[in-house]
Structure formats: C-alpha cells, structure tokens
Amino acid sequence: MHWLFWWRPPCVLRRVIVNLKHDPTEALEGILWASRGSWLILHDVTGLKAGVPPTKMIGDVVLHRSNVAYLQVIP
C-alpha cells in the first residue's frame, strides 16, 4: 500500500490549457500544480480569450472541476 502515496495523476506538474464551460472562447494556461478532490490548483497562469492579448495572472488559480469543459496537456 505504501506505493499508493507516491502516485499522482499523469498531468500534474505539467503545463496545461483548461477550457471553461461558461465561455467557450475563454481558457487558462498554466501548470497543474495539484489536484485536491474536486479542485484543481494552477500555478503561473495566463488567461486566454479570443481577440484579446494573453493576460498574466498573479498568484495561483483554484478551479472546481464542474467549471472545466476539458483539459489539454501541452507537450
């Protein structure tokens, strides 16, 4: 059972783009820092919106999974 404590989802600590449900033209790009239950914590986040220059956000962003349409892992 000890090996389970070292397991983490494969996309944690990777750069991702998170597309949001409420606005299909809006997304967040950042490092998926942690996944705590139904919450996602993003670090070094940039806001992306169609027709607007990318906006750098200060601090971490915490998202509930119910607000996420889909998540893309950037290679």
PDB file of N, CA and C in Angstrom:
ATOM      1  N   MET A   1       0.812  -1.210   0.000  1.00  0.00           N
ATOM      2  CA  MET A   1       0.000   0.000   0.000  1.00  0.00           C
ATOM      3  C   MET A   1       0.854   1.273   0.000  1.00  0.00           C
ATOM      4  N   HIS A   2       2.085   1.178   0.442  1.00  0.00           N
ATOM      5  CA  HIS A   2       2.918   2.376   0.542  1.00  0.00           C
ATOM      6  C   HIS A   2       3.129   3.049  -0.819  1.00  0.00           C
ATOM      7  N   TRP A   3       3.177   2.279  -1.895  1.00  0.00           N
ATOM      8  CA  TRP A   3       3.401   2.852  -3.224  1.00  0.00           C
ATOM      9  C   TRP A   3       2.267   3.761  -3.661  1.00  0.00           C
ATOM     10  N   LEU A   4       1.061   3.608  -3.106  1.00  0.00           N
ATOM     11  CA  LEU A   4      -0.065   4.476  -3.481  1.00  0.00           C
ATOM     12  C   LEU A   4       0.144   5.925  -3.059  1.00  0.00           C
ATOM     13  N   PHE A   5       0.934   6.161  -2.037  1.00  0.00           N
ATOM     14  CA  PHE A   5       1.160   7.531  -1.566  1.00  0.00           C
ATOM     15  C   PHE A   5       2.027   8.332  -2.529  1.00  0.00           C
ATOM     16  N   TRP A   6       2.770   7.667  -3.394  1.00  0.00           N
ATOM     17  CA  TRP A   6       3.631   8.349  -4.354  1.00  0.00           C
ATOM     18  C   TRP A   6       2.965   8.519  -5.710  1.00  0.00           C
ATOM     19  N   TRP A   7       1.783   7.936  -5.899  1.00  0.00           N
ATOM     20  CA  TRP A   7       1.100   8.041  -7.175  1.00  0.00           C
ATOM     21  C   TRP A   7       0.461   9.410  -7.316  1.00  0.00           C
ATOM     22  N   ARG A   8       0.505   9.969  -8.510  1.00  0.00           N
ATOM     23  CA  ARG A   8      -0.180  11.224  -8.819  1.00  0.00           C
ATOM     24  C   ARG A   8      -0.701  11.120 -10.236  1.00  0.00           C
ATOM     25  N   PRO A   9      -1.765  11.841 -10.560  1.00  0.00           N
ATOM     26  CA  PRO A   9      -2.257  11.818 -11.933  1.00  0.00           C
ATOM     27  C   PRO A   9      -1.156  12.245 -12.898  1.00  0.00           C
ATOM     28  N   PRO A  10      -1.110  11.695 -14.106  1.00  0.00           N
ATOM     29  CA  PRO A  10      -0.002  11.954 -15.027  1.00  0.00           C
ATOM     30  C   PRO A  10       0.114  13.398 -15.504  1.00  0.00           C
ATOM     31  N   CYS A  11      -0.951  14.183 -15.437  1.00  0.00           N
ATOM     32  CA  CYS A  11      -0.852  15.560 -15.934  1.00  0.00           C
ATOM     33  C   CYS A  11      -0.488  16.570 -14.842  1.00  0.00           C
ATOM     34  N   VAL A  12      -0.363  16.138 -13.586  1.00  0.00           N
ATOM     35  CA  VAL A  12       0.050  17.054 -12.518  1.00  0.00           C
ATOM     36  C   VAL A  12       1.511  17.430 -12.735  1.00  0.00           C
ATOM     37  N   LEU A  13       1.819  18.682 -12.499  1.00  0.00           N
ATOM     38  CA  LEU A  13       3.144  19.275 -12.707  1.00  0.00           C
ATOM     39  C   LEU A  13       3.509  19.377 -14.184  1.00  0.00           C
ATOM     40  N   ARG A  14       2.512  19.432 -15.046  1.00  0.00           N
ATOM     41  CA  ARG A  14       2.707  19.636 -16.479  1.00  0.00           C
ATOM     42  C   ARG A  14       1.965  20.902 -16.888  1.00  0.00           C
ATOM     43  N   ARG A  15       2.392  21.529 -17.968  1.00  0.00           N
ATOM     44  CA  ARG A  15       1.696  22.717 -18.484  1.00  0.00           C
ATOM     45  C   ARG A  15       0.436  22.260 -19.195  1.00  0.00           C
ATOM     46  N   VAL A  16      -0.684  22.915 -18.864  1.00  0.00           N
ATOM     47  CA  VAL A  16      -1.984  22.532 -19.413  1.00  0.00           C
ATOM     48  C   VAL A  16      -2.747  23.768 -19.886  1.00  0.00           C
ATOM     49  N   ILE A  17      -3.734  23.534 -20.740  1.00  0.00           N
ATOM     50  CA  ILE A  17      -4.729  24.551 -21.103  1.00  0.00           C
ATOM     51  C   ILE A  17      -6.068  24.021 -20.623  1.00  0.00           C
ATOM     52  N   VAL A  18      -6.745  24.820 -19.819  1.00  0.00           N
ATOM     53  CA  VAL A  18      -8.046  24.436 -19.265  1.00  0.00           C
ATOM     54  C   VAL A  18      -9.124  25.261 -19.957  1.00  0.00           C
ATOM     55  N   ASN A  19      -9.994  24.593 -20.690  1.00  0.00           N
ATOM     56  CA  ASN A  19     -11.121  25.270 -21.330  1.00  0.00           C
ATOM     57  C   ASN A  19     -12.293  25.264 -20.360  1.00  0.00           C
ATOM     58  N   LEU A  20     -12.946  26.412 -20.235  1.00  0.00           N
ATOM     59  CA  LEU A  20     -14.006  26.574 -19.246  1.00  0.00           C
ATOM     60  C   LEU A  20     -15.386  26.391 -19.862  1.00  0.00           C
ATOM     61  N   LYS A  21     -16.336  25.929 -19.044  1.00  0.00           N
ATOM     62  CA  LYS A  21     -17.692  25.662 -19.528  1.00  0.00           C
ATOM     63  C   LYS A  21     -18.491  26.934 -19.790  1.00  0.00           C
ATOM     64  N   HIS A  22     -18.347  27.948 -18.936  1.00  0.00           N
ATOM     65  CA  HIS A  22     -19.217  29.119 -19.034  1.00  0.00           C
ATOM     66  C   HIS A  22     -18.975  29.970 -20.276  1.00  0.00           C
ATOM     67  N   ASP A  23     -17.761  29.912 -20.846  1.00  0.00           N
ATOM     68  CA  ASP A  23     -17.447  30.701 -22.039  1.00  0.00           C
ATOM     69  C   ASP A  23     -16.476  29.912 -22.911  1.00  0.00           C
ATOM     70  N   PRO A  24     -16.936  29.375 -24.039  1.00  0.00           N
ATOM     71  CA  PRO A  24     -16.054  28.551 -24.877  1.00  0.00           C
ATOM     72  C   PRO A  24     -14.891  29.322 -25.506  1.00  0.00           C
ATOM     73  N   THR A  25     -14.917  30.659 -25.487  1.00  0.00           N
ATOM     74  CA  THR A  25     -13.815  31.440 -26.052  1.00  0.00           C
ATOM     75  C   THR A  25     -12.772  31.787 -24.996  1.00  0.00           C
ATOM     76  N   GLU A  26     -12.959  31.328 -23.768  1.00  0.00           N
ATOM     77  CA  GLU A  26     -12.058  31.652 -22.665  1.00  0.00           C
ATOM     78  C   GLU A  26     -11.367  30.384 -22.157  1.00  0.00           C
ATOM     79  N   ALA A  27     -10.063  30.495 -21.865  1.00  0.00           N
ATOM     80  CA  ALA A  27      -9.295  29.359 -21.351  1.00  0.00           C
ATOM     81  C   ALA A  27      -8.194  29.885 -20.427  1.00  0.00           C
ATOM     82  N   LEU A  28      -7.609  28.976 -19.666  1.00  0.00           N
ATOM     83  CA  LEU A  28      -6.492  29.293 -18.785  1.00  0.00           C
ATOM     84  C   LEU A  28      -5.329  28.380 -19.136  1.00  0.00           C
ATOM     85  N   GLU A  29      -4.139  28.949 -19.216  1.00  0.00           N
ATOM     86  CA  GLU A  29      -2.938  28.159 -19.453  1.00  0.00           C
ATOM     87  C   GLU A  29      -2.045  28.288 -18.233  1.00  0.00           C
ATOM     88  N   GLY A  30      -1.551  27.165 -17.738  1.00  0.00           N
ATOM     89  CA  GLY A  30      -0.669  27.194 -16.580  1.00  0.00           C
ATOM     90  C   GLY A  30      -0.189  25.805 -16.224  1.00  0.00           C
ATOM     91  N   ILE A  31       0.493  25.711 -15.102  1.00  0.00           N
ATOM     92  CA  ILE A  31       0.998  24.433 -14.608  1.00  0.00           C
ATOM     93  C   ILE A  31      -0.024  23.869 -13.641  1.00  0.00           C
ATOM     94  N   LEU A  32      -0.482  22.654 -13.905  1.00  0.00           N
ATOM     95  CA  LEU A  32      -1.407  21.993 -12.990  1.00  0.00           C
ATOM     96  C   LEU A  32      -0.596  21.572 -11.776  1.00  0.00           C
ATOM     97  N   TRP A  33      -0.664  22.385 -10.740  1.00  0.00           N
ATOM     98  CA  TRP A  33       0.175  22.245  -9.567  1.00  0.00           C
ATOM     99  C   TRP A  33      -0.291  21.116  -8.657  1.00  0.00           C
ATOM    100  N   ALA A  34      -1.614  20.994  -8.480  1.00  0.00           N
ATOM    101  CA  ALA A  34      -2.147  19.956  -7.602  1.00  0.00           C
ATOM    102  C   ALA A  34      -3.599  19.683  -7.948  1.00  0.00           C
ATOM    103  N   SER A  35      -4.049  18.523  -7.547  1.00  0.00           N
ATOM    104  CA  SER A  35      -5.440  18.130  -7.701  1.00  0.00           C
ATOM    105  C   SER A  35      -5.909  17.641  -6.334  1.00  0.00           C
ATOM    106  N   ARG A  36      -6.768  18.414  -5.682  1.00  0.00           N
ATOM    107  CA  ARG A  36      -7.240  18.089  -4.334  1.00  0.00           C
ATOM    108  C   ARG A  36      -8.733  17.813  -4.380  1.00  0.00           C
ATOM    109  N   GLY A  37      -9.100  16.556  -4.424  1.00  0.00           N
ATOM    110  CA  GLY A  37     -10.513  16.206  -4.509  1.00  0.00           C
ATOM    111  C   GLY A  37     -11.077  16.703  -5.829  1.00  0.00           C
ATOM    112  N   SER A  38     -12.093  17.548  -5.760  1.00  0.00           N
ATOM    113  CA  SER A  38     -12.697  18.086  -6.984  1.00  0.00           C
ATOM    114  C   SER A  38     -12.131  19.461  -7.355  1.00  0.00           C
ATOM    115  N   TRP A  39     -11.014  19.858  -6.758  1.00  0.00           N
ATOM    116  CA  TRP A  39     -10.401  21.154  -7.022  1.00  0.00           C
ATOM    117  C   TRP A  39      -9.087  20.986  -7.772  1.00  0.00           C
ATOM    118  N   LEU A  40      -8.851  21.872  -8.738  1.00  0.00           N
ATOM    119  CA  LEU A  40      -7.594  21.915  -9.483  1.00  0.00           C
ATOM    120  C   LEU A  40      -6.871  23.204  -9.122  1.00  0.00           C
ATOM    121  N   ILE A  41      -5.589  23.120  -8.845  1.00  0.00           N
ATOM    122  CA  ILE A  41      -4.788  24.292  -8.495  1.00  0.00           C
ATOM    123  C   ILE A  41      -3.786  24.529  -9.615  1.00  0.00           C
ATOM    124  N   LEU A  42      -3.866  25.707 -10.235  1.00  0.00           N
ATOM    125  CA  LEU A  42      -2.972  26.080 -11.335  1.00  0.00           C
ATOM    126  C   LEU A  42      -1.984  27.129 -10.865  1.00  0.00           C
ATOM    127  N   HIS A  43      -0.743  26.995 -11.317  1.00  0.00           N
ATOM    128  CA  HIS A  43       0.339  27.903 -10.947  1.00  0.00           C
ATOM    129  C   HIS A  43       0.883  28.542 -12.223  1.00  0.00           C
ATOM    130  N   ASP A  44       1.341  29.795 -12.142  1.00  0.00           N
ATOM    131  CA  ASP A  44       1.908  30.501 -13.296  1.00  0.00           C
ATOM    132  C   ASP A  44       0.879  30.553 -14.436  1.00  0.00           C
ATOM    133  N   VAL A  45      -0.265  31.183 -14.153  1.00  0.00           N
ATOM    134  CA  VAL A  45      -1.425  31.137 -15.052  1.00  0.00           C
ATOM    135  C   VAL A  45      -1.483  32.351 -15.978  1.00  0.00           C
ATOM    136  N   THR A  46      -1.881  32.083 -17.222  1.00  0.00           N
ATOM    137  CA  THR A  46      -2.144  33.112 -18.216  1.00  0.00           C
ATOM    138  C   THR A  46      -3.578  32.925 -18.703  1.00  0.00           C
ATOM    139  N   GLY A  47      -4.351  34.002 -18.699  1.00  0.00           N
ATOM    140  CA  GLY A  47      -5.720  33.958 -19.205  1.00  0.00           C
ATOM    141  C   GLY A  47      -5.729  34.135 -20.710  1.00  0.00           C
ATOM    142  N   LEU A  48      -6.460  33.278 -21.405  1.00  0.00           N
ATOM    143  CA  LEU A  48      -6.552  33.324 -22.865  1.00  0.00           C
ATOM    144  C   LEU A  48      -7.996  33.568 -23.261  1.00  0.00           C
ATOM    145  N   LYS A  49      -8.214  34.547 -24.134  1.00  0.00           N
ATOM    146  CA  LYS A  49      -9.552  34.842 -24.636  1.00  0.00           C
ATOM    147  C   LYS A  49      -9.415  35.248 -26.092  1.00  0.00           C
ATOM    148  N   ALA A  50     -10.335  34.803 -26.910  1.00  0.00           N
ATOM    149  CA  ALA A  50     -10.292  35.096 -28.342  1.00  0.00           C
ATOM    150  C   ALA A  50     -10.350  36.607 -28.585  1.00  0.00           C
ATOM    151  N   GLY A  51      -9.429  37.119 -29.378  1.00  0.00           N
ATOM    152  CA  GLY A  51      -9.422  38.520 -29.751  1.00  0.00           C
ATOM    153  C   GLY A  51      -8.794  39.455 -28.728  1.00  0.00           C
ATOM    154  N   VAL A  52      -8.261  38.917 -27.636  1.00  0.00           N
ATOM    155  CA  VAL A  52      -7.661  39.732 -26.573  1.00  0.00           C
ATOM    156  C   VAL A  52      -6.252  39.190 -26.309  1.00  0.00           C
ATOM    157  N   PRO A  53      -5.264  40.071 -26.080  1.00  0.00           N
ATOM    158  CA  PRO A  53      -3.913  39.569 -25.777  1.00  0.00           C
ATOM    159  C   PRO A  53      -3.922  38.740 -24.483  1.00  0.00           C
ATOM    160  N   PRO A  54      -3.036  37.748 -24.364  1.00  0.00           N
ATOM    161  CA  PRO A  54      -2.962  36.936 -23.144  1.00  0.00           C
ATOM    162  C   PRO A  54      -2.711  37.797 -21.910  1.00  0.00           C
ATOM    163  N   THR A  55      -3.373  37.438 -20.807  1.00  0.00           N
ATOM    164  CA  THR A  55      -3.281  38.195 -19.567  1.00  0.00           C
ATOM    165  C   THR A  55      -2.621  37.341 -18.500  1.00  0.00           C
ATOM    166  N   LYS A  56      -1.466  37.786 -17.994  1.00  0.00           N
ATOM    167  CA  LYS A  56      -0.755  37.075 -16.931  1.00  0.00           C
ATOM    168  C   LYS A  56      -1.477  37.317 -15.605  1.00  0.00           C
ATOM    169  N   MET A  57      -1.746  36.254 -14.846  1.00  0.00           N
ATOM    170  CA  MET A  57      -2.438  36.357 -13.561  1.00  0.00           C
ATOM    171  C   MET A  57      -1.434  36.209 -12.427  1.00  0.00           C
ATOM    172  N   ILE A  58      -1.658  36.964 -11.375  1.00  0.00           N
ATOM    173  CA  ILE A  58      -0.782  36.932 -10.211  1.00  0.00           C
ATOM    174  C   ILE A  58      -1.325  35.902  -9.221  1.00  0.00           C
ATOM    175  N   GLY A  59      -0.445  35.053  -8.719  1.00  0.00           N
ATOM    176  CA  GLY A  59      -0.858  34.053  -7.739  1.00  0.00           C
ATOM    177  C   GLY A  59      -1.372  32.787  -8.396  1.00  0.00           C
ATOM    178  N   ASP A  60      -1.887  31.890  -7.558  1.00  0.00           N
ATOM    179  CA  ASP A  60      -2.426  30.624  -8.040  1.00  0.00           C
ATOM    180  C   ASP A  60      -3.910  30.766  -8.342  1.00  0.00           C
ATOM    181  N   VAL A  61      -4.416  29.912  -9.209  1.00  0.00           N
ATOM    182  CA  VAL A  61      -5.837  29.891  -9.558  1.00  0.00           C
ATOM    183  C   VAL A  61      -6.392  28.538  -9.124  1.00  0.00           C
ATOM    184  N   VAL A  62      -7.517  28.572  -8.412  1.00  0.00           N
ATOM    185  CA  VAL A  62      -8.171  27.360  -7.940  1.00  0.00           C
ATOM    186  C   VAL A  62      -9.490  27.215  -8.695  1.00  0.00           C
ATOM    187  N   LEU A  63      -9.664  26.073  -9.361  1.00  0.00           N
ATOM    188  CA  LEU A  63     -10.862  25.816 -10.160  1.00  0.00           C
ATOM    189  C   LEU A  63     -11.579  24.571  -9.646  1.00  0.00           C
ATOM    190  N   HIS A  64     -12.890  24.625  -9.643  1.00  0.00           N
ATOM    191  CA  HIS A  64     -13.670  23.423  -9.354  1.00  0.00           C
ATOM    192  C   HIS A  64     -13.843  22.661 -10.663  1.00  0.00           C
ATOM    193  N   ARG A  65     -13.768  21.348 -10.605  1.00  0.00           N
ATOM    194  CA  ARG A  65     -13.848  20.540 -11.832  1.00  0.00           C
ATOM    195  C   ARG A  65     -15.175  20.694 -12.561  1.00  0.00           C
ATOM    196  N   SER A  66     -16.216  21.111 -11.872  1.00  0.00           N
ATOM    197  CA  SER A  66     -17.508  21.299 -12.537  1.00  0.00           C
ATOM    198  C   SER A  66     -17.472  22.482 -13.503  1.00  0.00           C
ATOM    199  N   ASN A  67     -16.481  23.377 -13.385  1.00  0.00           N
ATOM    200  CA  ASN A  67     -16.334  24.522 -14.286  1.00  0.00           C
ATOM    201  C   ASN A  67     -15.439  24.223 -15.484  1.00  0.00           C
ATOM    202  N   VAL A  68     -14.851  23.032 -15.538  1.00  0.00           N
ATOM    203  CA  VAL A  68     -13.899  22.684 -16.590  1.00  0.00           C
ATOM    204  C   VAL A  68     -14.600  21.903 -17.691  1.00  0.00           C
ATOM    205  N   ALA A  69     -14.541  22.422 -18.934  1.00  0.00           N
ATOM    206  CA  ALA A  69     -15.084  21.683 -20.078  1.00  0.00           C
ATOM    207  C   ALA A  69     -14.130  20.548 -20.440  1.00  0.00           C
ATOM    208  N   TYR A  70     -12.855  20.878 -20.650  1.00  0.00           N
ATOM    209  CA  TYR A  70     -11.825  19.857 -20.873  1.00  0.00           C
ATOM    210  C   TYR A  70     -10.457  20.454 -20.606  1.00  0.00           C
ATOM    211  N   LEU A  71      -9.493  19.568 -20.448  1.00  0.00           N
ATOM    212  CA  LEU A  71      -8.134  19.948 -20.093  1.00  0.00           C
ATOM    213  C   LEU A  71      -7.181  19.362 -21.142  1.00  0.00           C
ATOM    214  N   GLN A  72      -6.301  20.206 -21.666  1.00  0.00           N
ATOM    215  CA  GLN A  72      -5.332  19.777 -22.676  1.00  0.00           C
ATOM    216  C   GLN A  72      -3.931  19.831 -22.070  1.00  0.00           C
ATOM    217  N   VAL A  73      -3.181  18.753 -22.186  1.00  0.00           N
ATOM    218  CA  VAL A  73      -1.791  18.734 -21.713  1.00  0.00           C
ATOM    219  C   VAL A  73      -0.905  19.169 -22.862  1.00  0.00           C
ATOM    220  N   ILE A  74      -0.063  20.166 -22.624  1.00  0.00           N
ATOM    221  CA  ILE A  74       0.837  20.695 -23.647  1.00  0.00           C
ATOM    222  C   ILE A  74       2.124  19.876 -23.617  1.00  0.00           C
ATOM    223  N   PRO A  75       2.554  19.335 -24.769  1.00  0.00           N
ATOM    224  CA  PRO A  75       3.783  18.504 -24.776  1.00  0.00           C
ATOM    225  C   PRO A  75       5.024  19.335 -24.494  1.00  0.00           C
TER     226      PRO A  75
END
